[in-house]
Structures are given as C-alpha cells and as structure tokens.
N, C-alpha and C. Protein backbone atom coordinates (compact mmCIF):
# COMPACT_ATOMS: atom_id res chain seq x y z
N MET A 1 -2.27 -19.01 11.05
CA MET A 1 -1.85 -18.10 10.62
C MET A 1 -0.96 -18.17 9.18
N PHE A 2 -1.17 -17.31 8.06
CA PHE A 2 -0.60 -16.83 7.16
C PHE A 2 1.05 -16.75 7.27
N ASP A 3 1.76 -17.64 6.76
CA ASP A 3 3.19 -17.53 6.57
C ASP A 3 3.53 -17.65 5.64
N PRO A 4 4.12 -16.20 4.79
CA PRO A 4 4.54 -16.17 3.58
C PRO A 4 6.00 -16.79 3.57
N SER A 5 6.68 -16.92 4.56
CA SER A 5 7.80 -17.54 4.27
C SER A 5 7.63 -19.09 3.60
N ASN A 6 6.85 -19.91 3.72
CA ASN A 6 6.27 -21.06 3.04
C ASN A 6 6.18 -21.23 1.51
N PHE A 7 6.26 -19.64 0.62
CA PHE A 7 5.89 -19.40 -0.18
C PHE A 7 6.56 -18.32 -0.86
N GLN A 8 7.79 -18.04 0.33
CA GLN A 8 8.24 -16.70 -0.36
C GLN A 8 9.02 -16.67 -1.75
N HIS A 9 9.62 -17.42 -1.64
CA HIS A 9 10.22 -17.36 -3.23
C HIS A 9 9.24 -17.04 -4.50
N PHE A 10 8.05 -18.03 -4.57
CA PHE A 10 7.03 -17.72 -5.65
C PHE A 10 6.13 -16.06 -5.51
N LEU A 11 6.00 -16.14 -4.18
CA LEU A 11 5.30 -14.69 -3.74
C LEU A 11 6.15 -13.40 -4.50
N GLU A 12 6.96 -13.31 -3.57
CA GLU A 12 8.45 -12.34 -4.03
C GLU A 12 8.91 -12.20 -5.46
N ALA A 13 8.43 -13.07 -5.85
CA ALA A 13 9.48 -13.24 -7.52
C ALA A 13 8.45 -12.70 -8.32
N SER A 14 7.05 -12.73 -8.16
CA SER A 14 6.18 -12.26 -8.97
C SER A 14 6.10 -10.99 -9.15
N PRO A 15 6.55 -10.79 -10.79
CA PRO A 15 6.30 -9.28 -11.37
C PRO A 15 4.70 -8.55 -10.75
N LEU A 16 3.79 -9.75 -10.94
CA LEU A 16 2.12 -8.97 -10.36
C LEU A 16 2.10 -9.08 -8.93
N PRO A 17 1.52 -7.78 -8.80
CA PRO A 17 1.16 -7.37 -7.10
C PRO A 17 0.39 -8.58 -6.54
N MET A 18 0.44 -8.77 -5.33
CA MET A 18 -0.20 -9.85 -4.92
C MET A 18 -0.44 -9.19 -3.36
N TRP A 19 -1.45 -9.52 -2.67
CA TRP A 19 -1.90 -9.94 -1.10
C TRP A 19 -2.72 -10.71 -0.48
N VAL A 20 -2.50 -10.94 0.70
CA VAL A 20 -3.71 -11.68 1.24
C VAL A 20 -4.14 -10.81 1.83
N TYR A 21 -5.51 -11.37 2.09
CA TYR A 21 -6.59 -10.93 3.41
C TYR A 21 -7.40 -11.62 4.23
N GLU A 22 -7.83 -11.18 5.20
CA GLU A 22 -8.72 -11.75 6.09
C GLU A 22 -9.94 -11.49 5.57
N ILE A 23 -10.67 -12.86 4.89
CA ILE A 23 -11.81 -12.78 4.75
C ILE A 23 -13.02 -12.26 5.71
N PRO A 24 -13.18 -12.31 6.89
CA PRO A 24 -14.29 -11.86 7.65
C PRO A 24 -13.58 -10.48 7.99
N THR A 25 -12.60 -9.89 7.97
CA THR A 25 -12.16 -8.58 8.13
C THR A 25 -12.17 -7.48 7.09
N LEU A 26 -11.46 -8.58 5.82
CA LEU A 26 -11.06 -7.77 5.08
C LEU A 26 -9.53 -7.24 5.13
N ARG A 27 -9.20 -7.32 6.15
CA ARG A 27 -7.54 -6.74 6.74
C ARG A 27 -6.44 -7.35 6.05
N PHE A 28 -5.83 -6.73 5.28
CA PHE A 28 -4.25 -7.08 4.71
C PHE A 28 -3.67 -7.76 5.69
N VAL A 29 -3.26 -8.83 5.57
CA VAL A 29 -2.24 -9.81 6.12
C VAL A 29 -1.13 -9.66 5.70
N TRP A 30 -0.43 -10.05 4.29
CA TRP A 30 0.81 -9.61 3.65
C TRP A 30 0.41 -8.68 2.16
N ALA A 31 1.61 -8.05 1.72
CA ALA A 31 1.54 -7.64 0.42
C ALA A 31 3.02 -7.96 -0.31
N ASN A 32 3.13 -8.12 -1.51
CA ASN A 32 4.10 -8.67 -2.48
C ASN A 32 5.16 -7.22 -2.39
N ALA A 33 6.15 -7.09 -3.04
CA ALA A 33 7.12 -6.01 -3.20
C ALA A 33 6.37 -5.35 -4.48
N ALA A 34 5.81 -5.82 -5.30
CA ALA A 34 5.43 -5.32 -6.60
C ALA A 34 3.78 -4.73 -6.21
N ALA A 35 3.05 -5.04 -4.79
CA ALA A 35 2.21 -4.39 -4.56
C ALA A 35 2.70 -3.27 -3.76
N ILE A 36 3.61 -3.29 -3.16
CA ILE A 36 4.38 -2.05 -2.51
C ILE A 36 4.72 -0.90 -3.53
N ASP A 37 5.10 -1.59 -4.62
CA ASP A 37 5.78 -0.32 -5.73
C ASP A 37 4.55 -0.23 -6.42
N LEU A 38 3.77 -0.82 -7.00
CA LEU A 38 2.47 -0.33 -7.45
C LEU A 38 1.80 0.67 -6.44
N TYR A 39 1.49 0.47 -5.41
CA TYR A 39 0.53 1.10 -4.56
C TYR A 39 1.06 2.32 -3.70
N GLY A 40 2.41 2.06 -3.65
CA GLY A 40 2.91 3.10 -2.99
C GLY A 40 2.97 3.09 -1.33
N TYR A 41 2.14 2.11 -0.58
CA TYR A 41 2.03 1.68 0.49
C TYR A 41 3.41 1.05 1.24
N SER A 42 3.55 1.00 2.34
CA SER A 42 4.66 -0.22 2.73
C SER A 42 4.20 -1.02 3.36
N LEU A 43 4.64 -2.43 3.53
CA LEU A 43 3.88 -3.50 4.09
C LEU A 43 3.46 -3.61 5.42
N ALA A 44 4.11 -2.46 6.33
CA ALA A 44 3.68 -1.89 7.81
C ALA A 44 1.83 -0.93 7.07
N ASP A 45 2.28 -0.38 6.18
CA ASP A 45 0.58 0.18 5.98
C ASP A 45 -0.21 -0.43 5.24
N PHE A 46 0.07 -1.26 4.86
CA PHE A 46 -0.99 -2.56 4.05
C PHE A 46 -1.71 -3.09 5.62
N GLN A 47 -0.94 -3.52 6.33
CA GLN A 47 -1.15 -4.30 7.60
C GLN A 47 -2.01 -3.42 8.45
N GLN A 48 -2.27 -2.19 8.13
CA GLN A 48 -3.06 -1.63 8.94
C GLN A 48 -4.49 -1.11 8.54
N MET A 49 -4.68 -1.83 7.16
CA MET A 49 -5.77 -1.14 5.95
C MET A 49 -6.54 -2.36 5.76
N THR A 50 -7.81 -1.99 5.68
CA THR A 50 -8.63 -3.12 4.81
C THR A 50 -8.35 -3.03 2.96
N ILE A 51 -8.97 -4.38 2.47
CA ILE A 51 -8.98 -3.93 0.94
C ILE A 51 -9.90 -2.75 0.97
N LEU A 52 -10.85 -2.39 1.64
CA LEU A 52 -11.64 -1.13 1.32
C LEU A 52 -11.34 0.25 1.16
N ASP A 53 -9.57 0.17 2.01
CA ASP A 53 -8.90 1.23 1.82
C ASP A 53 -8.28 1.83 0.71
N ILE A 54 -8.54 0.76 -0.48
CA ILE A 54 -7.80 1.19 -1.64
C ILE A 54 -8.84 1.25 -3.04
N ARG A 55 -10.22 1.40 -2.31
CA ARG A 55 -11.28 1.50 -3.14
C ARG A 55 -11.75 2.84 -3.40
N PRO A 56 -12.17 3.21 -4.46
CA PRO A 56 -13.28 4.52 -4.01
C PRO A 56 -14.48 4.07 -3.14
N ALA A 57 -15.00 5.26 -2.98
CA ALA A 57 -16.11 4.83 -1.64
C ALA A 57 -17.37 4.53 -2.16
N GLU A 58 -17.41 4.85 -3.55
CA GLU A 58 -18.77 4.12 -4.19
C GLU A 58 -18.75 2.81 -4.58
N ASP A 59 -17.63 2.48 -4.53
CA ASP A 59 -17.30 0.73 -5.21
C ASP A 59 -17.63 0.00 -3.53
N ARG A 60 -17.12 0.63 -2.70
CA ARG A 60 -17.08 -0.35 -1.04
C ARG A 60 -17.83 -1.18 -0.87
N PRO A 61 -19.14 -0.76 -0.88
CA PRO A 61 -20.62 -1.82 -0.67
C PRO A 61 -20.40 -3.38 -1.40
N GLU A 62 -20.31 -2.81 -2.53
CA GLU A 62 -19.99 -4.26 -3.58
C GLU A 62 -19.06 -4.75 -3.43
N VAL A 63 -17.81 -4.16 -3.08
CA VAL A 63 -16.60 -4.65 -3.37
C VAL A 63 -16.75 -5.71 -1.90
N ALA A 64 -17.15 -5.28 -0.52
CA ALA A 64 -17.43 -5.99 0.82
C ALA A 64 -18.09 -7.03 0.17
N GLN A 65 -19.14 -7.32 -0.30
CA GLN A 65 -19.97 -8.12 -0.35
C GLN A 65 -19.17 -9.23 -1.52
N LEU A 66 -18.49 -8.77 -2.59
CA LEU A 66 -18.03 -9.75 -3.32
C LEU A 66 -16.68 -10.52 -2.70
N ALA A 67 -16.01 -9.56 -1.94
CA ALA A 67 -14.73 -10.24 -0.93
C ALA A 67 -15.19 -11.21 0.06
N ARG A 68 -16.42 -11.18 0.67
CA ARG A 68 -17.14 -12.12 1.59
C ARG A 68 -17.55 -13.61 0.80
N ASN A 69 -17.96 -13.47 -0.45
CA ASN A 69 -18.75 -14.02 -0.93
C ASN A 69 -17.94 -15.35 -1.08
N GLU A 70 -18.42 -16.82 -0.72
CA GLU A 70 -17.47 -18.13 -1.13
C GLU A 70 -17.71 -18.06 -2.43
N ASP A 71 -18.53 -17.76 -3.29
CA ASP A 71 -18.69 -18.42 -5.04
C ASP A 71 -17.70 -17.43 -5.74
N ARG A 72 -16.27 -18.02 -5.88
CA ARG A 72 -15.33 -17.36 -6.36
C ARG A 72 -15.38 -17.39 -7.91
N ILE A 73 -16.20 -17.80 -8.79
CA ILE A 73 -16.96 -17.51 -9.84
C ILE A 73 -16.91 -16.31 -10.12
N GLU A 74 -18.07 -16.06 -9.30
CA GLU A 74 -18.84 -15.14 -9.09
C GLU A 74 -17.39 -13.83 -9.14
N ALA A 75 -17.04 -14.03 -7.65
CA ALA A 75 -16.42 -12.72 -7.37
C ALA A 75 -14.84 -12.72 -8.59
N ASN A 76 -14.39 -13.62 -9.43
CA ASN A 76 -13.55 -13.34 -9.94
C ASN A 76 -13.68 -13.50 -11.47
N ARG A 77 -14.88 -13.04 -11.75
CA ARG A 77 -15.72 -12.54 -13.10
C ARG A 77 -14.60 -11.36 -13.51
N SER A 78 -14.10 -11.32 -14.78
CA SER A 78 -13.58 -10.91 -15.84
C SER A 78 -14.44 -8.98 -15.61
N ARG A 79 -13.31 -8.50 -15.03
CA ARG A 79 -13.70 -7.02 -14.39
C ARG A 79 -12.67 -6.10 -14.36
N VAL A 80 -12.83 -4.83 -14.74
CA VAL A 80 -11.89 -3.65 -14.27
C VAL A 80 -12.42 -3.22 -12.86
N TRP A 81 -11.52 -2.92 -12.22
CA TRP A 81 -11.87 -2.41 -11.04
C TRP A 81 -10.98 -1.00 -10.80
N GLN A 82 -11.48 -0.09 -10.07
CA GLN A 82 -10.58 1.36 -9.71
C GLN A 82 -10.04 1.33 -8.21
N HIS A 83 -8.76 0.94 -8.48
CA HIS A 83 -8.00 1.20 -6.95
C HIS A 83 -7.33 2.42 -6.86
N LEU A 84 -6.94 2.70 -5.69
CA LEU A 84 -6.24 4.05 -5.32
C LEU A 84 -5.22 3.91 -5.04
N ALA A 85 -4.01 4.51 -5.36
CA ALA A 85 -2.67 4.26 -4.52
C ALA A 85 -2.62 5.00 -3.74
N LYS A 86 -1.75 5.34 -2.85
CA LYS A 86 -1.21 6.02 -1.81
C LYS A 86 -1.52 7.53 -2.35
N ASN A 87 -0.44 8.10 -3.40
CA ASN A 87 -0.61 8.93 -3.87
C ASN A 87 -2.41 9.90 -4.42
N GLY A 88 -3.11 8.88 -4.20
CA GLY A 88 -4.37 9.53 -4.71
C GLY A 88 -4.97 9.19 -6.42
N SER A 89 -3.60 8.90 -6.93
CA SER A 89 -3.92 8.41 -8.00
C SER A 89 -5.03 7.13 -8.47
N GLY A 90 -5.61 7.25 -9.50
CA GLY A 90 -6.48 6.03 -9.67
C GLY A 90 -5.55 4.69 -10.62
N LEU A 91 -5.97 3.59 -10.36
CA LEU A 91 -5.68 2.43 -11.09
C LEU A 91 -6.54 1.67 -11.44
N ASP A 92 -6.21 1.48 -12.83
CA ASP A 92 -7.46 0.42 -13.34
C ASP A 92 -6.52 -0.86 -13.25
N VAL A 93 -7.57 -1.94 -12.74
CA VAL A 93 -7.05 -3.32 -12.41
C VAL A 93 -7.45 -4.20 -12.42
N ARG A 94 -7.28 -5.62 -12.66
CA ARG A 94 -8.15 -6.51 -13.17
C ARG A 94 -7.57 -7.60 -11.83
N VAL A 95 -8.79 -7.99 -10.76
CA VAL A 95 -8.09 -8.99 -9.38
C VAL A 95 -8.82 -10.26 -9.61
N THR A 96 -7.94 -11.16 -9.62
CA THR A 96 -8.65 -12.76 -9.19
C THR A 96 -7.85 -13.02 -7.58
N THR A 97 -8.92 -13.58 -7.23
CA THR A 97 -8.67 -14.15 -6.32
C THR A 97 -8.51 -15.69 -5.48
N VAL A 98 -7.93 -16.07 -4.73
CA VAL A 98 -8.53 -17.85 -4.27
C VAL A 98 -8.06 -17.84 -2.84
N ASP A 99 -8.76 -18.75 -2.71
CA ASP A 99 -9.16 -19.09 -1.12
C ASP A 99 -7.78 -19.99 -0.73
N LEU A 100 -6.81 -19.60 0.51
CA LEU A 100 -5.73 -20.50 0.59
C LEU A 100 -6.22 -21.68 1.76
N LEU A 101 -5.31 -22.53 1.39
CA LEU A 101 -5.69 -23.64 2.27
C LEU A 101 -4.68 -23.96 3.86
N PRO A 102 -5.62 -24.36 4.33
CA PRO A 102 -6.66 -25.20 4.76
C PRO A 102 -7.78 -24.69 4.18
N PRO A 103 -8.95 -25.30 3.97
CA PRO A 103 -10.33 -24.73 3.73
C PRO A 103 -10.84 -24.36 5.07
N GLY A 104 -11.43 -22.90 5.20
CA GLY A 104 -11.77 -22.60 6.19
C GLY A 104 -11.00 -21.98 7.32
N CYS A 105 -9.32 -21.51 6.77
CA CYS A 105 -8.67 -20.67 7.47
C CYS A 105 -8.88 -18.81 7.28
N GLY A 106 -9.60 -19.30 6.54
CA GLY A 106 -10.32 -17.57 6.26
C GLY A 106 -9.36 -16.58 5.64
N LEU A 107 -8.56 -17.03 4.87
CA LEU A 107 -7.54 -15.90 4.35
C LEU A 107 -7.92 -16.13 2.74
N ARG A 108 -7.33 -15.26 2.02
CA ARG A 108 -7.42 -15.30 0.55
C ARG A 108 -6.38 -14.55 -0.13
N LEU A 109 -5.96 -15.00 -1.15
CA LEU A 109 -4.67 -14.47 -1.91
C LEU A 109 -5.53 -13.68 -2.87
N ALA A 110 -4.63 -12.22 -3.12
CA ALA A 110 -5.49 -11.86 -4.45
C ALA A 110 -4.36 -11.26 -5.22
N LEU A 111 -4.24 -11.67 -6.50
CA LEU A 111 -3.35 -11.21 -7.44
C LEU A 111 -4.03 -10.28 -8.82
N VAL A 112 -2.92 -9.06 -8.34
CA VAL A 112 -3.74 -7.84 -9.21
C VAL A 112 -2.60 -7.72 -10.48
N GLU A 113 -3.73 -7.51 -11.41
CA GLU A 113 -3.04 -6.92 -13.03
C GLU A 113 -3.47 -5.26 -13.05
N ASP A 114 -2.52 -4.91 -13.34
CA ASP A 114 -2.10 -3.52 -13.77
C ASP A 114 -2.96 -3.07 -15.16
N VAL A 115 -4.17 -2.71 -15.46
CA VAL A 115 -4.87 -2.51 -17.05
C VAL A 115 -4.73 -1.26 -17.29
N SER A 116 -4.40 -0.40 -16.68
CA SER A 116 -4.35 1.43 -16.24
C SER A 116 -3.82 1.93 -18.02
N SER A 117 -2.80 1.27 -18.60
CA SER A 117 -2.14 1.76 -19.75
C SER A 117 -3.33 1.37 -20.89
N PHE A 118 -3.71 -0.09 -20.69
CA PHE A 118 -4.89 -0.70 -21.83
C PHE A 118 -5.93 0.27 -21.90
N THR A 119 -6.52 0.42 -20.56
CA THR A 119 -7.83 1.28 -20.84
C THR A 119 -7.63 2.53 -20.94
N SER A 120 -6.48 3.22 -20.55
CA SER A 120 -6.33 4.45 -21.38
C SER A 120 -6.42 4.60 -22.80
N MET A 121 -5.33 3.41 -23.37
CA MET A 121 -5.61 3.78 -24.67
C MET A 121 -7.01 3.03 -24.99
N THR A 122 -7.78 1.97 -24.83
CA THR A 122 -8.96 2.07 -25.36
C THR A 122 -9.69 3.17 -24.89
N ARG A 123 -10.19 3.97 -23.90
CA ARG A 123 -10.39 5.28 -24.19
C ARG A 123 -10.41 6.29 -25.03
N ALA A 124 -8.96 6.54 -25.41
CA ALA A 124 -8.68 7.38 -26.19
C ALA A 124 -8.79 7.08 -27.62
N LEU A 125 -8.92 5.66 -28.25
CA LEU A 125 -9.16 4.76 -29.16
C LEU A 125 -10.91 5.22 -29.51
N GLU A 126 -11.68 5.10 -28.44
CA GLU A 126 -13.13 5.37 -28.51
C GLU A 126 -13.53 6.76 -28.88
N HIS A 127 -12.59 7.56 -27.96
CA HIS A 127 -12.45 8.93 -28.56
C HIS A 127 -12.07 9.60 -29.95
N MET A 128 -11.10 9.04 -30.28
CA MET A 128 -10.88 9.09 -31.94
C MET A 128 -12.01 8.76 -32.76
N ALA A 129 -12.71 7.42 -32.50
CA ALA A 129 -13.45 6.83 -33.19
C ALA A 129 -14.98 7.55 -33.33
N LYS A 130 -15.29 8.59 -32.43
CA LYS A 130 -16.53 8.87 -32.30
C LYS A 130 -16.12 10.73 -32.68
N HIS A 131 -15.29 11.14 -32.60
CA HIS A 131 -14.61 12.70 -32.80
C HIS A 131 -14.07 13.04 -34.07
N ASP A 132 -14.28 13.94 -34.21
CA ASP A 132 -13.33 15.09 -35.59
C ASP A 132 -11.88 15.50 -34.77
N ALA A 133 -10.91 14.40 -35.54
CA ALA A 133 -9.69 15.03 -35.69
C ALA A 133 -9.49 16.48 -35.44
N ALA A 134 -9.89 16.64 -36.38
CA ALA A 134 -9.00 18.70 -36.67
C ALA A 134 -10.15 19.42 -35.69
N THR A 135 -11.56 19.06 -35.09
CA THR A 135 -12.06 20.09 -34.39
C THR A 135 -12.38 19.53 -32.95
N GLY A 136 -12.19 18.07 -32.65
CA GLY A 136 -12.56 17.41 -31.60
C GLY A 136 -13.99 17.69 -31.30
N LEU A 137 -14.97 17.91 -32.56
CA LEU A 137 -16.65 17.80 -32.40
C LEU A 137 -16.74 16.21 -32.72
N LEU A 138 -18.40 15.81 -32.45
CA LEU A 138 -18.38 14.84 -32.62
C LEU A 138 -18.60 14.59 -34.23
N ASN A 139 -18.30 13.33 -34.67
CA ASN A 139 -18.30 12.99 -35.93
C ASN A 139 -19.60 13.17 -36.36
N PRO A 140 -19.86 12.78 -37.72
CA PRO A 140 -21.18 12.84 -38.30
C PRO A 140 -21.95 11.55 -37.64
N GLY A 141 -21.65 10.48 -37.95
CA GLY A 141 -22.18 9.18 -37.26
C GLY A 141 -22.29 9.00 -36.26
N THR A 142 -21.53 9.47 -34.93
CA THR A 142 -21.83 9.75 -34.00
C THR A 142 -23.16 10.71 -33.42
N LEU A 143 -22.93 11.83 -34.19
CA LEU A 143 -24.12 12.46 -33.85
C LEU A 143 -25.12 12.07 -34.18
N ALA A 144 -25.09 11.22 -35.65
CA ALA A 144 -26.81 10.59 -36.17
C ALA A 144 -26.84 9.64 -35.14
N HIS A 145 -26.17 8.78 -34.46
CA HIS A 145 -26.51 7.92 -33.17
C HIS A 145 -27.40 8.61 -31.96
N LEU A 146 -26.61 9.75 -31.61
CA LEU A 146 -26.86 9.93 -30.50
C LEU A 146 -28.30 10.86 -30.65
N LEU A 147 -28.41 11.64 -31.77
CA LEU A 147 -29.90 12.14 -32.24
C LEU A 147 -30.95 11.33 -32.71
N ASP A 148 -30.64 9.63 -33.28
CA ASP A 148 -31.83 8.66 -33.39
C ASP A 148 -32.01 8.16 -32.01
N ALA A 149 -30.76 8.27 -30.98
CA ALA A 149 -31.48 7.04 -30.07
C ALA A 149 -32.31 8.59 -28.83
N GLY A 150 -32.41 9.81 -29.34
CA GLY A 150 -32.62 10.48 -28.16
C GLY A 150 -32.12 10.95 -27.34
N LEU A 151 -30.59 10.75 -27.24
CA LEU A 151 -30.12 11.50 -25.94
C LEU A 151 -29.28 12.69 -26.38
N LEU A 152 -30.00 13.65 -27.35
CA LEU A 152 -29.40 14.72 -27.07
C LEU A 152 -31.19 15.62 -27.21
N GLY A 153 -32.32 15.01 -26.82
CA GLY A 153 -33.34 15.44 -26.79
C GLY A 153 -34.01 15.19 -27.95
N SER A 154 -35.58 15.57 -28.09
CA SER A 154 -35.92 15.58 -29.21
C SER A 154 -36.41 16.62 -30.11
N HIS A 155 -35.68 18.10 -29.29
CA HIS A 155 -35.92 19.41 -30.55
C HIS A 155 -34.29 19.47 -30.73
N TYR A 156 -34.51 19.59 -32.38
CA TYR A 156 -32.98 20.00 -32.60
C TYR A 156 -33.03 20.36 -33.97
N GLU A 157 -31.71 20.95 -34.44
CA GLU A 157 -32.19 21.72 -35.23
C GLU A 157 -30.13 21.44 -36.04
N ILE A 158 -29.88 21.59 -37.15
CA ILE A 158 -28.83 20.89 -37.69
C ILE A 158 -28.24 21.86 -38.83
N ALA A 159 -26.98 22.60 -38.37
CA ALA A 159 -26.41 23.63 -39.61
C ALA A 159 -25.18 22.84 -40.08
N SER A 160 -25.03 22.54 -41.13
CA SER A 160 -23.64 22.05 -41.41
C SER A 160 -23.07 23.05 -42.47
N LEU A 161 -21.46 23.09 -41.68
CA LEU A 161 -20.61 23.92 -42.25
C LEU A 161 -19.29 23.23 -42.86
N ARG A 162 -18.94 24.04 -43.48
CA ARG A 162 -17.50 23.13 -44.03
C ARG A 162 -16.17 24.26 -44.02
N LEU A 163 -15.76 24.36 -43.11
CA LEU A 163 -14.33 25.25 -43.03
C LEU A 163 -13.13 24.85 -43.98
N GLN A 164 -13.32 25.90 -44.68
CA GLN A 164 -12.03 25.55 -45.57
C GLN A 164 -10.61 26.26 -44.92
N GLY A 165 -9.12 25.54 -45.36
CA GLY A 165 -8.17 26.38 -44.76
C GLY A 165 -7.91 25.97 -43.46
N LEU A 166 -8.83 25.26 -42.79
CA LEU A 166 -8.00 24.49 -41.24
C LEU A 166 -6.43 23.42 -41.52
N THR A 167 -6.20 23.11 -42.69
CA THR A 167 -5.28 22.23 -42.94
C THR A 167 -4.35 23.29 -42.65
N GLU A 168 -4.35 24.24 -43.67
CA GLU A 168 -3.11 25.35 -43.99
C GLU A 168 -2.70 26.03 -42.64
N VAL A 169 -3.73 26.39 -42.12
CA VAL A 169 -4.00 27.16 -40.79
C VAL A 169 -2.80 25.89 -39.78
N SER A 170 -3.09 24.65 -39.36
CA SER A 170 -2.52 24.00 -38.84
C SER A 170 -1.15 23.51 -39.10
N GLU A 171 -0.74 23.84 -40.46
CA GLU A 171 0.40 23.54 -41.06
C GLU A 171 1.09 24.44 -40.74
N LEU A 172 0.62 26.03 -40.95
CA LEU A 172 1.70 26.75 -40.20
C LEU A 172 1.96 27.39 -39.12
N PHE A 173 0.88 27.06 -38.17
CA PHE A 173 0.83 27.73 -37.17
C PHE A 173 0.73 26.49 -36.04
N GLY A 174 0.33 25.21 -36.34
CA GLY A 174 0.00 24.08 -35.44
C GLY A 174 -1.64 24.14 -35.08
N SER A 175 -1.67 23.06 -34.63
CA SER A 175 -3.03 22.29 -34.75
C SER A 175 -3.90 23.20 -33.53
N SER A 176 -2.91 23.82 -32.52
CA SER A 176 -4.13 24.33 -31.21
C SER A 176 -4.55 25.47 -31.67
N VAL A 177 -3.68 26.46 -32.73
CA VAL A 177 -4.35 27.32 -33.27
C VAL A 177 -5.31 27.32 -34.55
N ALA A 178 -5.54 26.28 -35.28
CA ALA A 178 -6.34 25.81 -35.88
C ALA A 178 -7.56 25.21 -35.27
N LEU A 179 -7.46 24.56 -34.39
CA LEU A 179 -8.58 24.27 -33.47
C LEU A 179 -9.40 25.07 -32.38
N THR A 180 -8.73 26.54 -32.04
CA THR A 180 -8.83 27.51 -31.78
C THR A 180 -9.70 28.15 -32.69
N GLU A 181 -9.30 28.98 -33.90
CA GLU A 181 -9.97 29.08 -35.35
C GLU A 181 -11.01 28.75 -35.60
N GLY A 182 -11.04 27.27 -35.57
CA GLY A 182 -11.96 26.33 -36.15
C GLY A 182 -13.42 26.43 -35.49
N ARG A 183 -12.86 26.56 -33.96
CA ARG A 183 -14.21 26.49 -32.94
C ARG A 183 -14.82 28.12 -32.71
N GLN A 184 -14.03 29.04 -32.76
CA GLN A 184 -14.53 30.51 -32.74
C GLN A 184 -15.89 30.53 -33.83
N GLY A 185 -15.53 30.03 -34.84
CA GLY A 185 -16.80 30.02 -36.24
C GLY A 185 -17.84 29.30 -35.47
N PHE A 186 -18.12 28.54 -34.41
CA PHE A 186 -19.59 27.83 -33.94
C PHE A 186 -20.18 28.31 -32.64
N VAL A 187 -19.33 29.49 -32.36
CA VAL A 187 -19.61 30.30 -31.20
C VAL A 187 -20.99 31.34 -31.59
C-alpha cells in the first residue's frame, strides 16, 4: 500500500496539488495539503471519494477510460480539464499522472496545476477581440466571419448605424449608461 511517509517532505512541500489514487477503483488514497486547500475537501473526505467525484458528470466516462489507460502519454496529453471544488465552484486544471513503483502496485500519482486564472484571462481576451468595447456587440470582422461561414443562417440583411455621442455620454454618466442608451437604438 502507498505510504506517504516515504515521500512526506516532497509531497507536502509541493505548492501544487497532488493526490494518489488506486487505478482499478479510482479511489483517492492520499492528497497533499495543497489539494486540500484548493478543493476544500479534508483528507478523510478525499479518501471516501473517487477521482470521478470531482468531475462534471459529462466528463466522467472519458475520465474513467483515461484514468485506467496504461498509455501514460495519451492520458497525460496537454489538456485543460474541469474539476469541481467542494463548494461547487469549477476549477480549470491541467493534470499529469505517473504510475508509482513498484510496477503493478495499482497506484498512480496525479499532479494538478490550477490554470483557472489563465483560462479566464484567455476567454476575456477572446471576447475583447471579437466584440466592440463600447457596445458589446460583435465587431465587423467577427460578424463578417460568422456570416461567411454560414453560422448565422443563410438569409440576413445588414444595416449599419453610426451612433454619435456615446463617448460623451460615457464620460459624463459612465459606460453602463452609454451602453444602455446605445443598445436602445437597436431595439
């Protein structure tokens, strides 16, 4: 059986969340303090759960298949997964796993990197690149791409309006008023 005391200093000193699970059952055997802090579960909680319990229901079949897969290159391919903390909040994580020695002991160590901030910033940048900052509407380039790709249907008409004075309204009353006033013209 896995004895974390053999690796206690390394495992506990790691700022990255780690845990060990049984490959056949997918049950957590052990989790370090960083995992306990990130996910909000106690060690006793973790030990009553499987790795599927921290995953959204739609990901569980694929996770179960990959977790039991002996091809570690395939299982560890670079991918961001969604995990669930005890409070129900979602975490975007990258997980790397390695089988523990001796071979065939049936235990796997998982190292987790929380990339939630990075993915949140990426989504914000993608939104900014595709939308007008003042109105929140699609910018002309994005609209043209969606129309060309047929993603907005095949029958459409385009009207172009240039609203004057949004900058002045925004400076005087704030951007929320300018956006409200600007959008009312499109109703």
